Amino acid sequence: MKLFRFLRGICVIPYALFLTLLISLMTLFMTLVLRREAASVQGLAAWWARSICRASGVEVSVSGTGQLNPEMPYIFAANHQSQFDILVLQGFLGIDFRWLAKKELFAVPIWGAAMRRAGYIPVDRSHGRQAIKSLDEAAQKIAAGTSVIIFPEGTRSKDGKLHEFKAGAMVLAIKSGVPIIPVAILGTYEILPKGRLLVTPGTVQIRLGSPIETRNCTSRDKHGLARVSQEAVAELLTT
């Protein structure tokens, strides 16, 4: 059994790389040649993520989506245990959203261009005017109807535990004025913890909490909003 899991984990790596290249090329073809809108290629990304999860022996369940208004944009604030968080959210959340990604990723050949054509939002993580400008542009897109996912901890957890939400991550929610949806991801740390390359099969639960309003919040409320969001995710993790 251990040998099978090891070989499976080895095989998943080239499979995931192949699928990433394939979906990137398909996205570029559909948006550049067929002139499809960004919304029309989101199904490709979901299929990409589900395929890698299934090849890895990972099963995913989702709860709490019934309370969401499909006509409204949201900012989904999730805990971050693993790189696999991206796959389970992309493949199984079942909600139209875009990723925020550091601007450097958009310079990666083929993949970066596909991300841009799919409507993903670049963010400048440096300090200064450009960083503020990129946040303002992202907030405008969210307020106009684009849901996004953020990881307010800022980086993957090294021990699988929930860590403090950074107040800076709340600025985007305040600027856009859309509700925050707390999201708890359980199981991905055991599947692919930080620092490990091979995936271990397992089960993942995604739990969505009640919306947290931000319409009347100002920049002075960012610390309180971070605390409330973290507490909501912590409760979902222990429910």
Protein backbone atom coordinates (compact mmCIF):
# COMPACT_ATOMS: atom_id res chain seq x y z
CA MET A 1 0.00 0.00 0.00
CA LYS A 2 2.79 2.43 0.89
CA LEU A 3 4.56 1.64 -2.38
CA PHE A 4 1.34 2.24 -4.34
CA ARG A 5 0.83 5.61 -2.64
CA PHE A 6 4.43 6.57 -3.33
CA LEU A 7 4.17 5.66 -7.01
CA ARG A 8 0.81 7.42 -7.25
CA GLY A 9 2.29 10.56 -5.73
CA ILE A 10 5.19 10.45 -8.18
CA CYS A 11 2.86 10.08 -11.17
CA VAL A 12 0.59 12.94 -10.09
CA ILE A 13 3.39 15.50 -10.56
CA PRO A 14 3.89 15.14 -14.35
CA TYR A 15 0.13 14.62 -14.78
CA ALA A 16 -0.59 17.92 -13.02
CA LEU A 17 2.04 19.73 -15.08
CA PHE A 18 0.62 18.31 -18.32
CA LEU A 19 -2.93 19.30 -17.38
CA THR A 20 -1.81 22.80 -16.40
CA LEU A 21 -0.19 23.32 -19.79
CA LEU A 22 -3.18 21.81 -21.61
CA ILE A 23 -5.75 23.96 -19.82
CA SER A 24 -3.63 27.07 -20.28
CA LEU A 25 -3.45 26.47 -24.04
CA MET A 26 -7.18 25.73 -24.22
CA THR A 27 -7.95 28.92 -22.30
CA LEU A 28 -5.84 30.99 -24.68
CA PHE A 29 -7.45 29.34 -27.70
CA MET A 30 -10.99 29.91 -26.44
CA THR A 31 -10.43 33.53 -25.41
CA LEU A 32 -8.12 34.69 -28.21
CA VAL A 33 -9.29 32.65 -31.21
CA LEU A 34 -12.91 31.88 -30.37
CA ARG A 35 -13.33 35.24 -28.56
CA ARG A 36 -15.02 33.70 -25.53
CA GLU A 37 -15.47 35.74 -22.35
CA ALA A 38 -13.46 34.97 -19.21
CA ALA A 39 -16.55 33.55 -17.51
CA SER A 40 -16.88 30.87 -20.19
CA VAL A 41 -13.51 29.27 -19.42
CA GLN A 42 -13.96 28.87 -15.65
CA GLY A 43 -15.26 25.36 -16.19
CA LEU A 44 -11.88 24.39 -17.63
CA ALA A 45 -10.13 25.43 -14.42
CA ALA A 46 -12.65 23.51 -12.33
CA TRP A 47 -12.15 20.39 -14.45
CA TRP A 48 -8.36 20.78 -14.16
CA ALA A 49 -8.55 20.91 -10.37
CA ARG A 50 -11.03 18.03 -10.01
CA SER A 51 -8.93 15.84 -12.31
CA ILE A 52 -5.80 16.35 -10.22
CA CYS A 53 -7.72 15.72 -6.99
CA ARG A 54 -9.14 12.47 -8.30
CA ALA A 55 -5.79 11.32 -9.64
CA SER A 56 -4.37 12.04 -6.17
CA GLY A 57 -7.07 9.99 -4.42
CA VAL A 58 -8.57 13.05 -2.75
CA GLU A 59 -12.32 13.24 -2.05
CA VAL A 60 -13.93 16.61 -1.28
CA SER A 61 -17.24 17.60 0.33
CA VAL A 62 -18.67 21.12 0.59
CA SER A 63 -21.29 22.54 2.96
CA GLY A 64 -22.81 25.97 3.52
CA THR A 65 -23.17 27.20 -0.06
CA GLY A 66 -26.96 27.31 0.18
CA GLN A 67 -26.90 30.56 2.13
CA LEU A 68 -25.17 32.48 -0.67
CA ASN A 69 -26.92 34.75 -3.15
CA PRO A 70 -25.66 33.74 -6.63
CA GLU A 71 -26.28 37.29 -7.85
CA MET A 72 -23.92 38.85 -5.30
CA PRO A 73 -20.11 39.07 -5.21
CA TYR A 74 -18.28 37.88 -2.11
CA ILE A 75 -14.78 37.73 -0.71
CA PHE A 76 -14.15 34.20 0.54
CA ALA A 77 -11.63 34.28 3.41
CA ALA A 78 -10.14 30.82 3.93
CA ASN A 79 -7.53 29.23 6.16
CA HIS A 80 -4.42 28.10 4.29
CA GLN A 81 -2.95 24.71 5.18
CA SER A 82 -1.55 23.54 1.87
CA GLN A 83 -1.03 24.26 -1.83
CA PHE A 84 -3.81 21.72 -2.28
CA ASP A 85 -6.25 24.34 -0.91
CA ILE A 86 -6.20 25.96 -4.34
CA LEU A 87 -7.19 22.73 -6.07
CA VAL A 88 -10.05 21.81 -3.74
CA LEU A 89 -11.53 25.31 -3.85
CA GLN A 90 -11.15 25.61 -7.61
CA GLY A 91 -12.59 22.20 -8.29
CA PHE A 92 -15.39 21.83 -5.78
CA LEU A 93 -16.58 25.15 -4.37
CA GLY A 94 -19.10 25.37 -7.20
CA ILE A 95 -19.15 29.18 -7.23
CA ASP A 96 -17.95 31.54 -9.95
CA PHE A 97 -14.90 33.36 -8.59
CA ARG A 98 -11.49 34.64 -9.61
CA TRP A 99 -8.13 34.33 -7.90
CA LEU A 100 -6.02 37.20 -6.70
CA ALA A 101 -2.42 36.44 -7.66
CA LYS A 102 0.86 38.29 -7.29
CA LYS A 103 1.68 40.16 -10.46
CA GLU A 104 4.91 38.22 -11.04
CA LEU A 105 2.91 35.07 -11.88
CA PHE A 106 1.36 36.81 -14.88
CA ALA A 107 4.83 36.99 -16.45
CA VAL A 108 5.14 33.18 -16.57
CA PRO A 109 4.98 32.08 -20.23
CA ILE A 110 1.64 30.59 -21.36
CA TRP A 111 0.31 30.09 -17.82
CA GLY A 112 0.49 33.78 -16.95
CA ALA A 113 -1.22 34.79 -20.18
CA ALA A 114 -3.95 32.21 -19.56
CA MET A 115 -4.49 33.55 -16.04
CA ARG A 116 -4.95 37.05 -17.40
CA ARG A 117 -7.37 35.89 -20.11
CA ALA A 118 -9.35 33.93 -17.49
CA GLY A 119 -9.92 37.15 -15.54
CA TYR A 120 -7.61 36.53 -12.60
CA ILE A 121 -6.63 39.70 -10.79
CA PRO A 122 -2.96 40.74 -10.43
CA VAL A 123 -1.90 42.27 -7.13
CA ASP A 124 1.31 44.20 -6.49
CA ARG A 125 2.66 43.01 -3.14
CA SER A 126 5.32 45.68 -2.89
CA HIS A 127 4.85 48.86 -0.91
CA GLY A 128 3.99 52.21 -2.45
CA ARG A 129 1.71 53.72 -5.04
CA GLN A 130 1.64 50.72 -7.36
CA ALA A 131 0.54 48.41 -4.56
CA ILE A 132 -2.26 50.80 -3.55
CA LYS A 133 -3.29 51.18 -7.19
CA SER A 134 -3.49 47.42 -7.71
CA LEU A 135 -5.66 47.03 -4.59
CA ASP A 136 -7.97 49.81 -5.78
CA GLU A 137 -8.33 48.14 -9.19
CA ALA A 138 -9.02 44.77 -7.58
CA ALA A 139 -11.62 46.32 -5.26
CA GLN A 140 -13.37 47.92 -8.23
CA LYS A 141 -13.62 44.57 -10.01
CA ILE A 142 -15.00 42.90 -6.89
CA ALA A 143 -17.54 45.67 -6.28
CA ALA A 144 -18.63 45.33 -9.91
CA GLY A 145 -19.57 41.70 -9.35
CA THR A 146 -16.45 39.50 -9.25
CA SER A 147 -16.11 37.16 -6.27
CA VAL A 148 -12.57 36.32 -5.11
CA ILE A 149 -10.81 34.08 -2.60
CA ILE A 150 -8.18 35.34 -0.17
CA PHE A 151 -5.96 33.61 2.39
CA PRO A 152 -5.77 36.19 5.22
CA GLU A 153 -3.04 34.27 7.09
CA GLY A 154 -0.74 35.42 4.29
CA THR A 155 1.05 32.10 3.84
CA ARG A 156 0.56 28.38 4.35
CA SER A 157 0.45 27.08 7.90
CA LYS A 158 3.62 25.18 8.86
CA ASP A 159 1.83 23.15 11.55
CA GLY A 160 -1.70 22.82 10.17
CA LYS A 161 -3.11 25.17 12.80
CA LEU A 162 -5.04 28.37 12.15
CA HIS A 163 -2.88 31.46 12.54
CA GLU A 164 -3.63 35.13 12.93
CA PHE A 165 -5.45 36.85 10.07
CA LYS A 166 -3.54 39.86 8.80
CA ALA A 167 -5.40 43.15 8.92
CA GLY A 168 -3.99 44.14 5.55
CA ALA A 169 -5.99 41.37 3.91
CA MET A 170 -9.17 43.06 5.11
CA VAL A 171 -8.44 46.29 3.25
CA LEU A 172 -9.69 44.75 0.01
CA ALA A 173 -13.00 43.82 1.64
CA ILE A 174 -13.39 47.31 3.06
CA LYS A 175 -12.54 49.00 -0.24
CA SER A 176 -14.97 46.84 -2.22
CA GLY A 177 -17.72 46.84 0.41
CA VAL A 178 -18.83 43.27 -0.31
CA PRO A 179 -19.52 40.63 2.37
CA ILE A 180 -16.80 38.30 3.61
CA ILE A 181 -17.59 34.59 3.66
CA PRO A 182 -15.49 32.68 6.21
CA VAL A 183 -14.25 29.39 4.75
CA ALA A 184 -12.76 26.49 6.70
CA ILE A 185 -10.73 23.87 4.85
CA LEU A 186 -10.10 20.63 6.74
CA GLY A 187 -7.82 17.82 5.61
CA THR A 188 -5.42 19.41 3.14
CA TYR A 189 -2.56 19.66 5.63
CA GLU A 190 -2.48 15.86 5.93
CA ILE A 191 -2.62 15.54 2.14
CA LEU A 192 0.18 17.95 1.26
CA PRO A 193 1.81 19.91 4.11
CA LYS A 194 4.21 22.75 3.42
CA GLY A 195 7.63 21.44 2.45
CA ARG A 196 6.43 18.11 1.05
CA LEU A 197 6.25 17.27 -2.66
CA LEU A 198 4.21 14.07 -2.86
CA VAL A 199 0.46 13.97 -2.24
CA THR A 200 -1.12 11.57 0.26
CA PRO A 201 -4.70 10.43 -0.54
CA GLY A 202 -7.36 11.64 1.87
CA THR A 203 -10.65 13.46 2.39
CA VAL A 204 -11.25 17.20 2.54
CA GLN A 205 -14.13 19.20 3.93
CA ILE A 206 -14.92 22.77 2.87
CA ARG A 207 -17.27 24.59 5.25
CA LEU A 208 -18.73 28.02 4.51
CA GLY A 209 -19.95 30.31 7.28
CA SER A 210 -22.43 33.18 7.40
CA PRO A 211 -21.64 36.43 5.53
CA ILE A 212 -19.81 39.17 7.43
CA GLU A 213 -20.92 42.61 6.26
CA THR A 214 -18.33 45.25 5.40
CA ARG A 215 -20.45 48.05 3.91
CA ASN A 216 -20.12 50.38 6.89
CA CYS A 217 -16.50 49.54 7.67
CA THR A 218 -13.58 51.94 7.30
CA SER A 219 -9.84 51.40 7.36
CA ARG A 220 -9.96 51.82 11.14
CA ASP A 221 -12.05 48.65 11.34
CA LYS A 222 -9.57 46.38 9.54
CA HIS A 223 -8.12 44.86 12.72
CA GLY A 224 -11.55 44.14 14.15
CA LEU A 225 -12.71 42.69 10.84
CA ALA A 226 -9.66 40.43 10.71
CA ARG A 227 -10.38 39.21 14.24
CA VAL A 228 -14.06 38.54 13.53
CA SER A 229 -13.23 36.68 10.31
CA GLN A 230 -10.57 34.57 12.03
CA GLU A 231 -12.94 33.67 14.86
CA ALA A 232 -15.60 32.63 12.33
CA VAL A 233 -13.16 30.35 10.51
CA ALA A 234 -11.91 28.92 13.81
CA GLU A 235 -15.49 28.05 14.80
CA LEU A 236 -16.07 26.32 11.46
CA LEU A 237 -12.91 24.28 11.94
CA THR A 238 -14.14 22.92 15.26
CA THR A 239 -17.84 22.45 14.43
